[in-house]
PDB file of N, CA and C in Angstrom:
ATOM      1  N   UNK A   1     178.228  68.608  35.450  1.00  0.00           N
ATOM      2  CA  UNK A   1     176.856  68.398  35.083  1.00  0.00           C
ATOM      3  C   UNK A   1     176.542  66.793  35.392  1.00  0.00           C
ATOM      4  N   UNK A   2     177.515  66.033  35.087  1.00  0.00           N
ATOM      5  CA  UNK A   2     177.415  64.476  35.224  1.00  0.00           C
ATOM      6  C   UNK A   2     177.004  64.155  36.829  1.00  0.00           C
ATOM      7  N   UNK A   3     177.752  64.942  37.672  1.00  0.00           N
ATOM      8  CA  UNK A   3     177.466  64.799  39.127  1.00  0.00           C
ATOM      9  C   UNK A   3     176.044  65.040  39.488  1.00  0.00           C
ATOM     10  N   UNK A   4     175.438  66.134  38.892  1.00  0.00           N
ATOM     11  CA  UNK A   4     174.115  66.525  39.136  1.00  0.00           C
ATOM     12  C   UNK A   4     172.990  65.495  38.420  1.00  0.00           C
ATOM     13  N   UNK A   5     173.370  64.886  37.245  1.00  0.00           N
ATOM     14  CA  UNK A   5     172.522  63.931  36.809  1.00  0.00           C
ATOM     15  C   UNK A   5     172.564  62.677  37.580  1.00  0.00           C
ATOM     16  N   UNK A   6     173.648  62.309  38.218  1.00  0.00           N
ATOM     17  CA  UNK A   6     173.704  61.078  39.081  1.00  0.00           C
ATOM     18  C   UNK A   6     172.802  61.192  40.236  1.00  0.00           C
ATOM     19  N   UNK A   7     172.641  62.380  40.956  1.00  0.00           N
ATOM     20  CA  UNK A   7     172.043  62.548  42.118  1.00  0.00           C
ATOM     21  C   UNK A   7     170.607  62.947  41.904  1.00  0.00           C
ATOM     22  N   UNK A   8     170.349  63.812  40.826  1.00  0.00           N
ATOM     23  CA  UNK A   8     169.099  64.349  40.713  1.00  0.00           C
ATOM     24  C   UNK A   8     168.361  63.908  39.317  1.00  0.00           C
ATOM     25  N   UNK A   9     169.076  63.314  38.494  1.00  0.00           N
ATOM     26  CA  UNK A   9     168.474  63.246  37.055  1.00  0.00           C
ATOM     27  C   UNK A   9     168.375  61.693  36.625  1.00  0.00           C
ATOM     28  N   UNK A  10     169.021  61.279  35.600  1.00  0.00           N
ATOM     29  CA  UNK A  10     168.988  60.046  35.054  1.00  0.00           C
ATOM     30  C   UNK A  10     169.557  59.071  35.977  1.00  0.00           C
ATOM     31  N   UNK A  11     170.654  59.128  36.544  1.00  0.00           N
ATOM     32  CA  UNK A  11     171.231  58.245  37.551  1.00  0.00           C
ATOM     33  C   UNK A  11     170.357  57.888  38.620  1.00  0.00           C
ATOM     34  N   UNK A  12     169.632  58.932  39.105  1.00  0.00           N
ATOM     35  CA  UNK A  12     168.611  58.710  40.189  1.00  0.00           C
ATOM     36  C   UNK A  12     167.411  57.831  39.668  1.00  0.00           C
ATOM     37  N   UNK A  13     166.890  58.085  38.524  1.00  0.00           N
ATOM     38  CA  UNK A  13     165.872  57.310  37.824  1.00  0.00           C
ATOM     39  C   UNK A  13     166.329  55.960  37.592  1.00  0.00           C
ATOM     40  N   UNK A  14     167.412  55.660  37.188  1.00  0.00           N
ATOM     41  CA  UNK A  14     167.951  54.313  36.915  1.00  0.00           C
ATOM     42  C   UNK A  14     168.080  53.566  38.283  1.00  0.00           C
ATOM     43  N   UNK A  15     168.454  54.273  39.266  1.00  0.00           N
ATOM     44  CA  UNK A  15     168.578  53.561  40.554  1.00  0.00           C
ATOM     45  C   UNK A  15     167.150  53.122  41.094  1.00  0.00           C
ATOM     46  N   UNK A  16     166.143  54.056  40.904  1.00  0.00           N
ATOM     47  CA  UNK A  16     164.848  53.747  41.292  1.00  0.00           C
ATOM     48  C   UNK A  16     164.321  52.654  40.417  1.00  0.00           C
ATOM     49  N   UNK A  17     164.660  52.711  39.178  1.00  0.00           N
ATOM     50  CA  UNK A  17     164.226  51.424  38.279  1.00  0.00           C
ATOM     51  C   UNK A  17     164.676  50.191  38.786  1.00  0.00           C
ATOM     52  N   UNK A  18     166.040  50.128  39.118  1.00  0.00           N
ATOM     53  CA  UNK A  18     166.679  48.880  39.526  1.00  0.00           C
ATOM     54  C   UNK A  18     165.886  48.460  40.857  1.00  0.00           C
ATOM     55  N   UNK A  19     165.572  49.274  41.881  1.00  0.00           N
ATOM     56  CA  UNK A  19     164.911  48.957  42.982  1.00  0.00           C
ATOM     57  C   UNK A  19     163.497  48.525  42.701  1.00  0.00           C
ATOM     58  N   UNK A  20     162.818  49.074  41.718  1.00  0.00           N
ATOM     59  CA  UNK A  20     161.448  48.664  41.334  1.00  0.00           C
ATOM     60  C   UNK A  20     161.583  47.265  40.720  1.00  0.00           C
ATOM     61  N   UNK A  21     162.557  46.870  40.006  1.00  0.00           N
ATOM     62  CA  UNK A  21     162.756  45.619  39.522  1.00  0.00           C
ATOM     63  C   UNK A  21     162.937  44.669  40.556  1.00  0.00           C
ATOM     64  N   UNK A  22     163.779  44.883  41.466  1.00  0.00           N
ATOM     65  CA  UNK A  22     164.001  44.042  42.679  1.00  0.00           C
ATOM     66  C   UNK A  22     162.827  43.793  43.425  1.00  0.00           C
ATOM     67  N   UNK A  23     161.937  44.820  43.483  1.00  0.00           N
ATOM     68  CA  UNK A  23     160.556  44.559  44.163  1.00  0.00           C
ATOM     69  C   UNK A  23     159.663  43.771  43.592  1.00  0.00           C
ATOM     70  N   UNK A  24     159.947  43.585  42.149  1.00  0.00           N
ATOM     71  CA  UNK A  24     158.992  42.968  41.257  1.00  0.00           C
ATOM     72  C   UNK A  24     158.014  43.637  40.543  1.00  0.00           C
ATOM     73  N   UNK A  25     158.092  45.027  40.662  1.00  0.00           N
ATOM     74  CA  UNK A  25     157.267  46.090  39.940  1.00  0.00           C
ATOM     75  C   UNK A  25     157.878  46.342  38.556  1.00  0.00           C
ATOM     76  N   UNK A  26     157.688  45.257  37.602  1.00  0.00           N
ATOM     77  CA  UNK A  26     158.512  45.325  36.299  1.00  0.00           C
ATOM     78  C   UNK A  26     157.724  46.435  35.576  1.00  0.00           C
ATOM     79  N   UNK A  27     156.570  46.684  35.631  1.00  0.00           N
ATOM     80  CA  UNK A  27     155.844  47.840  34.841  1.00  0.00           C
ATOM     81  C   UNK A  27     156.667  49.157  35.171  1.00  0.00           C
ATOM     82  N   UNK A  28     156.702  49.376  36.527  1.00  0.00           N
ATOM     83  CA  UNK A  28     157.317  50.752  36.895  1.00  0.00           C
ATOM     84  C   UNK A  28     158.904  50.732  36.568  1.00  0.00           C
ATOM     85  N   UNK A  29     159.446  49.736  36.685  1.00  0.00           N
ATOM     86  CA  UNK A  29     160.841  49.544  36.243  1.00  0.00           C
ATOM     87  C   UNK A  29     161.225  49.798  34.843  1.00  0.00           C
ATOM     88  N   UNK A  30     160.327  49.429  33.957  1.00  0.00           N
ATOM     89  CA  UNK A  30     160.416  49.789  32.442  1.00  0.00           C
ATOM     90  C   UNK A  30     160.170  51.228  32.336  1.00  0.00           C
ATOM     91  N   UNK A  31     159.220  51.725  33.022  1.00  0.00           N
ATOM     92  CA  UNK A  31     158.952  53.078  32.783  1.00  0.00           C
ATOM     93  C   UNK A  31     160.265  54.020  33.291  1.00  0.00           C
ATOM     94  N   UNK A  32     160.578  53.628  34.403  1.00  0.00           N
ATOM     95  CA  UNK A  32     161.722  54.315  35.041  1.00  0.00           C
ATOM     96  C   UNK A  32     162.940  54.291  34.165  1.00  0.00           C
ATOM     97  N   UNK A  33     163.251  53.120  33.696  1.00  0.00           N
ATOM     98  CA  UNK A  33     164.451  52.966  32.647  1.00  0.00           C
ATOM     99  C   UNK A  33     164.174  53.681  31.472  1.00  0.00           C
ATOM    100  N   UNK A  34     162.742  53.919  31.030  1.00  0.00           N
ATOM    101  CA  UNK A  34     162.598  54.536  29.778  1.00  0.00           C
ATOM    102  C   UNK A  34     162.998  56.139  30.049  1.00  0.00           C
ATOM    103  N   UNK A  35     162.480  56.483  31.194  1.00  0.00           N
ATOM    104  CA  UNK A  35     162.655  58.001  31.602  1.00  0.00           C
ATOM    105  C   UNK A  35     164.054  58.302  31.796  1.00  0.00           C
ATOM    106  N   UNK A  36     164.749  57.226  32.356  1.00  0.00           N
ATOM    107  CA  UNK A  36     166.279  57.581  32.413  1.00  0.00           C
ATOM    108  C   UNK A  36     166.975  57.560  31.245  1.00  0.00           C
ATOM    109  N   UNK A  37     166.468  57.120  29.978  1.00  0.00           N
ATOM    110  CA  UNK A  37     167.015  57.097  28.739  1.00  0.00           C
ATOM    111  C   UNK A  37     167.817  55.946  28.562  1.00  0.00           C
ATOM    112  N   UNK A  38     167.470  54.703  29.178  1.00  0.00           N
ATOM    113  CA  UNK A  38     168.128  53.459  29.019  1.00  0.00           C
ATOM    114  C   UNK A  38     167.007  52.464  28.232  1.00  0.00           C
ATOM    115  N   UNK A  39     167.074  52.683  26.973  1.00  0.00           N
ATOM    116  CA  UNK A  39     166.099  51.844  26.263  1.00  0.00           C
ATOM    117  C   UNK A  39     166.360  50.414  26.311  1.00  0.00           C
ATOM    118  N   UNK A  40     167.705  50.091  26.388  1.00  0.00           N
ATOM    119  CA  UNK A  40     168.029  48.628  26.302  1.00  0.00           C
ATOM    120  C   UNK A  40     167.424  47.928  27.610  1.00  0.00           C
ATOM    121  N   UNK A  41     167.579  48.588  28.622  1.00  0.00           N
ATOM    122  CA  UNK A  41     167.274  47.882  29.954  1.00  0.00           C
ATOM    123  C   UNK A  41     165.696  47.986  29.986  1.00  0.00           C
ATOM    124  N   UNK A  42     164.971  49.003  29.584  1.00  0.00           N
ATOM    125  CA  UNK A  42     163.520  49.022  29.448  1.00  0.00           C
ATOM    126  C   UNK A  42     162.964  47.891  28.672  1.00  0.00           C
ATOM    127  N   UNK A  43     163.760  47.498  27.399  1.00  0.00           N
ATOM    128  CA  UNK A  43     163.312  46.310  26.611  1.00  0.00           C
ATOM    129  C   UNK A  43     163.604  45.158  27.203  1.00  0.00           C
ATOM    130  N   UNK A  44     164.809  45.029  28.041  1.00  0.00           N
ATOM    131  CA  UNK A  44     165.068  43.776  28.837  1.00  0.00           C
ATOM    132  C   UNK A  44     163.841  43.537  29.753  1.00  0.00           C
ATOM    133  N   UNK A  45     163.358  44.600  30.445  1.00  0.00           N
ATOM    134  CA  UNK A  45     162.338  44.418  31.519  1.00  0.00           C
ATOM    135  C   UNK A  45     161.018  43.856  30.690  1.00  0.00           C
ATOM    136  N   UNK A  46     160.916  44.454  29.539  1.00  0.00           N
ATOM    137  CA  UNK A  46     159.631  43.959  28.714  1.00  0.00           C
ATOM    138  C   UNK A  46     159.826  42.485  28.455  1.00  0.00           C
ATOM    139  N   UNK A  47     160.963  42.051  28.091  1.00  0.00           N
ATOM    140  CA  UNK A  47     161.279  40.714  27.748  1.00  0.00           C
ATOM    141  C   UNK A  47     160.925  39.917  29.043  1.00  0.00           C
ATOM    142  N   UNK A  48     161.412  40.229  30.076  1.00  0.00           N
ATOM    143  CA  UNK A  48     161.139  39.526  31.328  1.00  0.00           C
ATOM    144  C   UNK A  48     159.549  39.336  31.552  1.00  0.00           C
ATOM    145  N   UNK A  49     158.965  40.607  31.436  1.00  0.00           N
ATOM    146  CA  UNK A  49     157.461  40.523  31.529  1.00  0.00           C
ATOM    147  C   UNK A  49     156.735  39.687  30.473  1.00  0.00           C
ATOM    148  N   UNK A  50     157.268  39.672  29.318  1.00  0.00           N
ATOM    149  CA  UNK A  50     156.720  38.883  28.162  1.00  0.00           C
ATOM    150  C   UNK A  50     156.840  37.388  28.599  1.00  0.00           C
ATOM    151  N   UNK A  51     157.976  36.994  29.180  1.00  0.00           N
ATOM    152  CA  UNK A  51     158.195  35.522  29.287  1.00  0.00           C
ATOM    153  C   UNK A  51     157.320  35.102  30.570  1.00  0.00           C
ATOM    154  N   UNK A  52     156.839  36.036  31.404  1.00  0.00           N
ATOM    155  CA  UNK A  52     156.152  35.669  32.424  1.00  0.00           C
ATOM    156  C   UNK A  52     154.483  35.646  32.179  1.00  0.00           C
ATOM    157  N   UNK A  53     154.319  36.292  31.157  1.00  0.00           N
ATOM    158  CA  UNK A  53     152.928  36.463  30.576  1.00  0.00           C
ATOM    159  C   UNK A  53     152.268  35.192  30.249  1.00  0.00           C
ATOM    160  N   UNK A  54     151.025  34.838  30.914  1.00  0.00           N
ATOM    161  CA  UNK A  54     150.404  33.648  30.450  1.00  0.00           C
ATOM    162  C   UNK A  54     149.638  33.822  29.086  1.00  0.00           C
ATOM    163  N   UNK A  55     149.114  34.914  28.784  1.00  0.00           N
ATOM    164  CA  UNK A  55     148.343  35.069  27.585  1.00  0.00           C
ATOM    165  C   UNK A  55     149.273  35.360  26.481  1.00  0.00           C
ATOM    166  N   UNK A  56     149.062  34.600  25.451  1.00  0.00           N
ATOM    167  CA  UNK A  56     149.930  34.563  24.260  1.00  0.00           C
ATOM    168  C   UNK A  56     149.995  36.084  23.393  1.00  0.00           C
ATOM    169  N   UNK A  57     148.894  36.585  23.372  1.00  0.00           N
ATOM    170  CA  UNK A  57     148.578  37.857  22.654  1.00  0.00           C
ATOM    171  C   UNK A  57     149.404  38.946  23.481  1.00  0.00           C
ATOM    172  N   UNK A  58     149.113  38.869  24.735  1.00  0.00           N
ATOM    173  CA  UNK A  58     149.964  39.941  25.512  1.00  0.00           C
ATOM    174  C   UNK A  58     151.472  39.827  25.452  1.00  0.00           C
ATOM    175  N   UNK A  59     151.852  38.612  25.560  1.00  0.00           N
ATOM    176  CA  UNK A  59     153.249  38.132  25.328  1.00  0.00           C
ATOM    177  C   UNK A  59     153.794  38.759  24.091  1.00  0.00           C
ATOM    178  N   UNK A  60     153.011  38.419  22.971  1.00  0.00           N
ATOM    179  CA  UNK A  60     153.471  38.889  21.693  1.00  0.00           C
ATOM    180  C   UNK A  60     153.606  40.419  21.522  1.00  0.00           C
ATOM    181  N   UNK A  61     152.651  41.145  22.314  1.00  0.00           N
ATOM    182  CA  UNK A  61     152.640  42.694  22.393  1.00  0.00           C
ATOM    183  C   UNK A  61     153.968  43.043  23.018  1.00  0.00           C
ATOM    184  N   UNK A  62     154.405  42.454  24.196  1.00  0.00           N
ATOM    185  CA  UNK A  62     155.521  42.811  24.934  1.00  0.00           C
ATOM    186  C   UNK A  62     156.793  42.584  24.253  1.00  0.00           C
ATOM    187  N   UNK A  63     156.847  41.359  23.481  1.00  0.00           N
ATOM    188  CA  UNK A  63     157.985  40.977  22.790  1.00  0.00           C
ATOM    189  C   UNK A  63     158.251  42.136  21.434  1.00  0.00           C
ATOM    190  N   UNK A  64     156.886  42.420  20.906  1.00  0.00           N
ATOM    191  CA  UNK A  64     157.221  43.408  19.823  1.00  0.00           C
ATOM    192  C   UNK A  64     157.510  44.708  20.218  1.00  0.00           C
ATOM    193  N   UNK A  65     157.019  45.170  21.419  1.00  0.00           N
ATOM    194  CA  UNK A  65     157.495  46.451  22.015  1.00  0.00           C
ATOM    195  C   UNK A  65     159.108  46.332  22.393  1.00  0.00           C
ATOM    196  N   UNK A  66     159.426  45.391  22.906  1.00  0.00           N
ATOM    197  CA  UNK A  66     160.856  44.981  23.426  1.00  0.00           C
ATOM    198  C   UNK A  66     161.748  45.164  22.034  1.00  0.00           C
ATOM    199  N   UNK A  67     161.425  44.561  20.969  1.00  0.00           N
ATOM    200  CA  UNK A  67     162.078  44.544  19.759  1.00  0.00           C
ATOM    201  C   UNK A  67     162.288  46.022  19.080  1.00  0.00           C
ATOM    202  N   UNK A  68     161.236  46.705  19.246  1.00  0.00           N
ATOM    203  CA  UNK A  68     161.312  48.137  18.741  1.00  0.00           C
ATOM    204  C   UNK A  68     162.065  48.947  19.622  1.00  0.00           C
ATOM    205  N   UNK A  69     162.003  48.821  20.800  1.00  0.00           N
ATOM    206  CA  UNK A  69     162.631  49.570  21.829  1.00  0.00           C
ATOM    207  C   UNK A  69     164.095  49.460  21.944  1.00  0.00           C
ATOM    208  N   UNK A  70     164.576  48.165  21.993  1.00  0.00           N
ATOM    209  CA  UNK A  70     165.976  47.870  22.078  1.00  0.00           C
ATOM    210  C   UNK A  70     166.785  48.490  20.944  1.00  0.00           C
ATOM    211  N   UNK A  71     167.953  48.959  21.197  1.00  0.00           N
ATOM    212  CA  UNK A  71     168.741  49.587  20.094  1.00  0.00           C
ATOM    213  C   UNK A  71     169.092  48.354  19.264  1.00  0.00           C
ATOM    214  N   UNK A  72     169.159  48.635  17.789  1.00  0.00           N
ATOM    215  CA  UNK A  72     169.591  47.745  16.917  1.00  0.00           C
ATOM    216  C   UNK A  72     170.985  47.173  16.960  1.00  0.00           C
ATOM    217  N   UNK A  73     171.162  45.856  16.822  1.00  0.00           N
ATOM    218  CA  UNK A  73     172.355  45.148  17.024  1.00  0.00           C
ATOM    219  C   UNK A  73     172.697  44.716  18.446  1.00  0.00           C
ATOM    220  N   UNK A  74     171.857  45.135  19.443  1.00  0.00           N
ATOM    221  CA  UNK A  74     172.175  44.613  20.781  1.00  0.00           C
ATOM    222  C   UNK A  74     171.597  43.248  21.044  1.00  0.00           C
ATOM    223  N   UNK A  75     172.040  42.408  21.969  1.00  0.00           N
ATOM    224  CA  UNK A  75     171.690  41.204  22.463  1.00  0.00           C
ATOM    225  C   UNK A  75     170.146  41.219  22.695  1.00  0.00           C
ATOM    226  N   UNK A  76     169.665  42.355  23.435  1.00  0.00           N
ATOM    227  CA  UNK A  76     168.335  42.552  23.824  1.00  0.00           C
ATOM    228  C   UNK A  76     167.425  42.484  22.608  1.00  0.00           C
ATOM    229  N   UNK A  77     167.743  43.182  21.635  1.00  0.00           N
ATOM    230  CA  UNK A  77     167.030  43.329  20.453  1.00  0.00           C
ATOM    231  C   UNK A  77     166.989  42.061  19.668  1.00  0.00           C
ATOM    232  N   UNK A  78     168.026  41.429  19.606  1.00  0.00           N
ATOM    233  CA  UNK A  78     168.150  40.092  18.963  1.00  0.00           C
ATOM    234  C   UNK A  78     167.135  38.907  19.598  1.00  0.00           C
ATOM    235  N   UNK A  79     167.270  38.969  21.002  1.00  0.00           N
ATOM    236  CA  UNK A  79     166.316  38.084  21.784  1.00  0.00           C
ATOM    237  C   UNK A  79     165.009  38.342  21.587  1.00  0.00           C
ATOM    238  N   UNK A  80     164.587  39.703  21.671  1.00  0.00           N
ATOM    239  CA  UNK A  80     163.191  40.062  21.464  1.00  0.00           C
ATOM    240  C   UNK A  80     162.678  39.684  20.088  1.00  0.00           C
ATOM    241  N   UNK A  81     163.386  39.865  18.936  1.00  0.00           N
ATOM    242  CA  UNK A  81     163.092  39.475  17.751  1.00  0.00           C
ATOM    243  C   UNK A  81     163.027  38.097  17.537  1.00  0.00           C
ATOM    244  N   UNK A  82     163.811  37.272  18.102  1.00  0.00           N
ATOM    245  CA  UNK A  82     163.582  35.751  18.095  1.00  0.00           C
ATOM    246  C   UNK A  82     162.386  35.334  18.856  1.00  0.00           C
ATOM    247  N   UNK A  83     162.183  35.701  20.062  1.00  0.00           N
ATOM    248  CA  UNK A  83     161.136  35.369  20.804  1.00  0.00           C
ATOM    249  C   UNK A  83     159.710  35.747  20.027  1.00  0.00           C
ATOM    250  N   UNK A  84     159.711  36.929  19.609  1.00  0.00           N
ATOM    251  CA  UNK A  84     158.497  37.415  18.889  1.00  0.00           C
ATOM    252  C   UNK A  84     158.366  36.491  17.479  1.00  0.00           C
ATOM    253  N   UNK A  85     159.384  36.244  16.725  1.00  0.00           N
ATOM    254  CA  UNK A  85     159.216  35.387  15.782  1.00  0.00           C
ATOM    255  C   UNK A  85     158.839  33.935  15.994  1.00  0.00           C
ATOM    256  N   UNK A  86     159.319  33.307  17.017  1.00  0.00           N
ATOM    257  CA  UNK A  86     159.060  32.020  17.384  1.00  0.00           C
ATOM    258  C   UNK A  86     157.593  31.956  17.928  1.00  0.00           C
ATOM    259  N   UNK A  87     157.154  32.963  18.654  1.00  0.00           N
ATOM    260  CA  UNK A  87     155.750  32.962  19.100  1.00  0.00           C
ATOM    261  C   UNK A  87     154.778  33.114  17.945  1.00  0.00           C
ATOM    262  N   UNK A  88     155.099  34.006  17.100  1.00  0.00           N
ATOM    263  CA  UNK A  88     154.222  34.264  15.765  1.00  0.00           C
ATOM    264  C   UNK A  88     154.071  32.810  15.002  1.00  0.00           C
ATOM    265  N   UNK A  89     155.182  32.228  14.837  1.00  0.00           N
ATOM    266  CA  UNK A  89     155.104  30.831  14.188  1.00  0.00           C
ATOM    267  C   UNK A  89     154.403  29.913  14.978  1.00  0.00           C
ATOM    268  N   UNK A  90     154.528  30.042  16.219  1.00  0.00           N
ATOM    269  CA  UNK A  90     153.748  28.933  16.962  1.00  0.00           C
ATOM    270  C   UNK A  90     152.269  29.222  16.998  1.00  0.00           C
ATOM    271  N   UNK A  91     151.994  30.505  17.025  1.00  0.00           N
ATOM    272  CA  UNK A  91     150.524  30.847  17.076  1.00  0.00           C
ATOM    273  C   UNK A  91     149.947  30.416  15.702  1.00  0.00           C
ATOM    274  N   UNK A  92     150.638  30.623  14.618  1.00  0.00           N
ATOM    275  CA  UNK A  92     150.186  30.305  13.235  1.00  0.00           C
ATOM    276  C   UNK A  92     149.880  28.911  12.978  1.00  0.00           C
ATOM    277  N   UNK A  93     150.886  28.066  13.731  1.00  0.00           N
ATOM    278  CA  UNK A  93     150.710  26.651  13.643  1.00  0.00           C
ATOM    279  C   UNK A  93     150.505  26.050  12.163  1.00  0.00           C
ATOM    280  N   UNK A  94     149.730  24.949  12.108  1.00  0.00           N
ATOM    281  CA  UNK A  94     149.371  24.311  10.793  1.00  0.00           C
ATOM    282  C   UNK A  94     148.068  24.810  10.325  1.00  0.00           C
ATOM    283  N   UNK A  95     147.477  25.828  10.862  1.00  0.00           N
ATOM    284  CA  UNK A  95     146.070  26.162  10.496  1.00  0.00           C
ATOM    285  C   UNK A  95     146.124  27.057   9.297  1.00  0.00           C
ATOM    286  N   UNK A  96     144.989  27.142   8.731  1.00  0.00           N
ATOM    287  CA  UNK A  96     144.856  28.223   7.277  1.00  0.00           C
ATOM    288  C   UNK A  96     144.967  29.540   8.145  1.00  0.00           C
ATOM    289  N   UNK A  97     145.741  30.329   7.550  1.00  0.00           N
ATOM    290  CA  UNK A  97     145.965  31.689   8.025  1.00  0.00           C
ATOM    291  C   UNK A  97     145.425  32.724   7.162  1.00  0.00           C
ATOM    292  N   UNK A  98     144.964  33.897   7.669  1.00  0.00           N
ATOM    293  CA  UNK A  98     144.451  34.849   6.857  1.00  0.00           C
ATOM    294  C   UNK A  98     145.504  35.663   6.340  1.00  0.00           C
ATOM    295  N   UNK A  99     145.261  36.649   5.477  1.00  0.00           N
ATOM    296  CA  UNK A  99     146.343  37.463   4.707  1.00  0.00           C
ATOM    297  C   UNK A  99     147.008  38.265   5.713  1.00  0.00           C
ATOM    298  N   UNK A 100     146.402  38.828   6.692  1.00  0.00           N
ATOM    299  CA  UNK A 100     147.204  39.535   7.799  1.00  0.00           C
ATOM    300  C   UNK A 100     148.184  38.608   8.645  1.00  0.00           C
ATOM    301  N   UNK A 101     147.571  37.472   8.925  1.00  0.00           N
ATOM    302  CA  UNK A 101     148.427  36.426   9.717  1.00  0.00           C
ATOM    303  C   UNK A 101     149.667  35.923   8.719  1.00  0.00           C
ATOM    304  N   UNK A 102     149.285  35.882   7.570  1.00  0.00           N
ATOM    305  CA  UNK A 102     150.435  35.406   6.681  1.00  0.00           C
ATOM    306  C   UNK A 102     151.485  36.431   6.445  1.00  0.00           C
ATOM    307  N   UNK A 103     151.051  37.727   6.418  1.00  0.00           N
ATOM    308  CA  UNK A 103     152.103  38.873   6.487  1.00  0.00           C
ATOM    309  C   UNK A 103     152.845  38.824   7.540  1.00  0.00           C
ATOM    310  N   UNK A 104     152.329  38.470   8.882  1.00  0.00           N
ATOM    311  CA  UNK A 104     152.982  38.478  10.065  1.00  0.00           C
ATOM    312  C   UNK A 104     154.054  37.305  10.148  1.00  0.00           C
ATOM    313  N   UNK A 105     153.519  36.201   9.606  1.00  0.00           N
ATOM    314  CA  UNK A 105     154.448  35.141   9.530  1.00  0.00           C
ATOM    315  C   UNK A 105     155.625  35.207   8.574  1.00  0.00           C
ATOM    316  N   UNK A 106     155.341  35.970   7.521  1.00  0.00           N
ATOM    317  CA  UNK A 106     156.583  36.261   6.595  1.00  0.00           C
ATOM    318  C   UNK A 106     157.452  37.143   7.325  1.00  0.00           C
ATOM    319  N   UNK A 107     156.926  38.366   7.931  1.00  0.00           N
ATOM    320  CA  UNK A 107     157.923  39.111   8.648  1.00  0.00           C
ATOM    321  C   UNK A 107     158.611  38.331   9.844  1.00  0.00           C
ATOM    322  N   UNK A 108     157.995  37.452  10.393  1.00  0.00           N
ATOM    323  CA  UNK A 108     158.856  36.657  11.495  1.00  0.00           C
ATOM    324  C   UNK A 108     159.805  35.892  10.804  1.00  0.00           C
ATOM    325  N   UNK A 109     159.562  35.272   9.634  1.00  0.00           N
ATOM    326  CA  UNK A 109     160.546  34.675   8.947  1.00  0.00           C
ATOM    327  C   UNK A 109     161.846  35.572   8.583  1.00  0.00           C
ATOM    328  N   UNK A 110     161.502  36.783   8.058  1.00  0.00           N
ATOM    329  CA  UNK A 110     162.433  37.672   7.741  1.00  0.00           C
ATOM    330  C   UNK A 110     163.326  38.053   8.841  1.00  0.00           C
ATOM    331  N   UNK A 111     162.586  38.356  10.177  1.00  0.00           N
ATOM    332  CA  UNK A 111     163.264  38.483  11.359  1.00  0.00           C
ATOM    333  C   UNK A 111     164.233  37.512  11.615  1.00  0.00           C
ATOM    334  N   UNK A 112     163.750  36.227  11.525  1.00  0.00           N
ATOM    335  CA  UNK A 112     164.741  35.122  11.719  1.00  0.00           C
ATOM    336  C   UNK A 112     165.822  35.056  10.902  1.00  0.00           C
ATOM    337  N   UNK A 113     165.841  35.266   9.720  1.00  0.00           N
ATOM    338  CA  UNK A 113     166.925  35.338   8.772  1.00  0.00           C
ATOM    339  C   UNK A 113     167.794  36.381   9.013  1.00  0.00           C
ATOM    340  N   UNK A 114     167.296  37.768   9.666  1.00  0.00           N
ATOM    341  CA  UNK A 114     168.035  38.750   9.654  1.00  0.00           C
ATOM    342  C   UNK A 114     168.970  38.598  10.991  1.00  0.00           C
ATOM    343  N   UNK A 115     168.481  37.937  12.068  1.00  0.00           N
ATOM    344  CA  UNK A 115     169.300  37.596  13.243  1.00  0.00           C
ATOM    345  C   UNK A 115     170.041  36.558  13.124  1.00  0.00           C
ATOM    346  N   UNK A 116     170.137  35.860  12.072  1.00  0.00           N
ATOM    347  CA  UNK A 116     171.039  34.553  11.851  1.00  0.00           C
ATOM    348  C   UNK A 116     170.307  33.287  12.300  1.00  0.00           C
ATOM    349  N   UNK A 117     169.152  33.198  12.161  1.00  0.00           N
ATOM    350  CA  UNK A 117     168.365  31.835  12.553  1.00  0.00           C
ATOM    351  C   UNK A 117     167.567  31.302  11.389  1.00  0.00           C
ATOM    352  N   UNK A 118     168.165  31.316  10.215  1.00  0.00           N
ATOM    353  CA  UNK A 118     167.322  30.954   8.981  1.00  0.00           C
ATOM    354  C   UNK A 118     166.786  29.509   9.116  1.00  0.00           C
ATOM    355  N   UNK A 119     167.315  28.528   9.877  1.00  0.00           N
ATOM    356  CA  UNK A 119     166.661  27.229   9.865  1.00  0.00           C
ATOM    357  C   UNK A 119     165.384  27.108  10.806  1.00  0.00           C
ATOM    358  N   UNK A 120     165.263  28.050  11.662  1.00  0.00           N
ATOM    359  CA  UNK A 120     163.939  28.101  12.349  1.00  0.00           C
ATOM    360  C   UNK A 120     162.847  28.570  11.570  1.00  0.00           C
TER     361      UNK A 120
END
């Protein structure tokens, strides 16, 4: 069965995803990794997209999706949570924040503590 998966199933999708990533088609690469069942690779691609995104809100969305998609305990999950929390704190800045934003900042602080970055 594994032989057939390699040629016709998930292995083929993963190969197509790597090719799409090399072409720079990161949206398609993340989609194909997801279809191949490789959530960590899909999350890694979302992190790459987020780092390249000029709009802060779109970047925050990509980091949030990557954090939720990456398996718990992986380096990709830790990195996504760290980037998301740092961006949330940077967006909040020194301004007065609403109750919703305050909740997000509190969640970001909890994420930083959970991944071993309490000083940030």
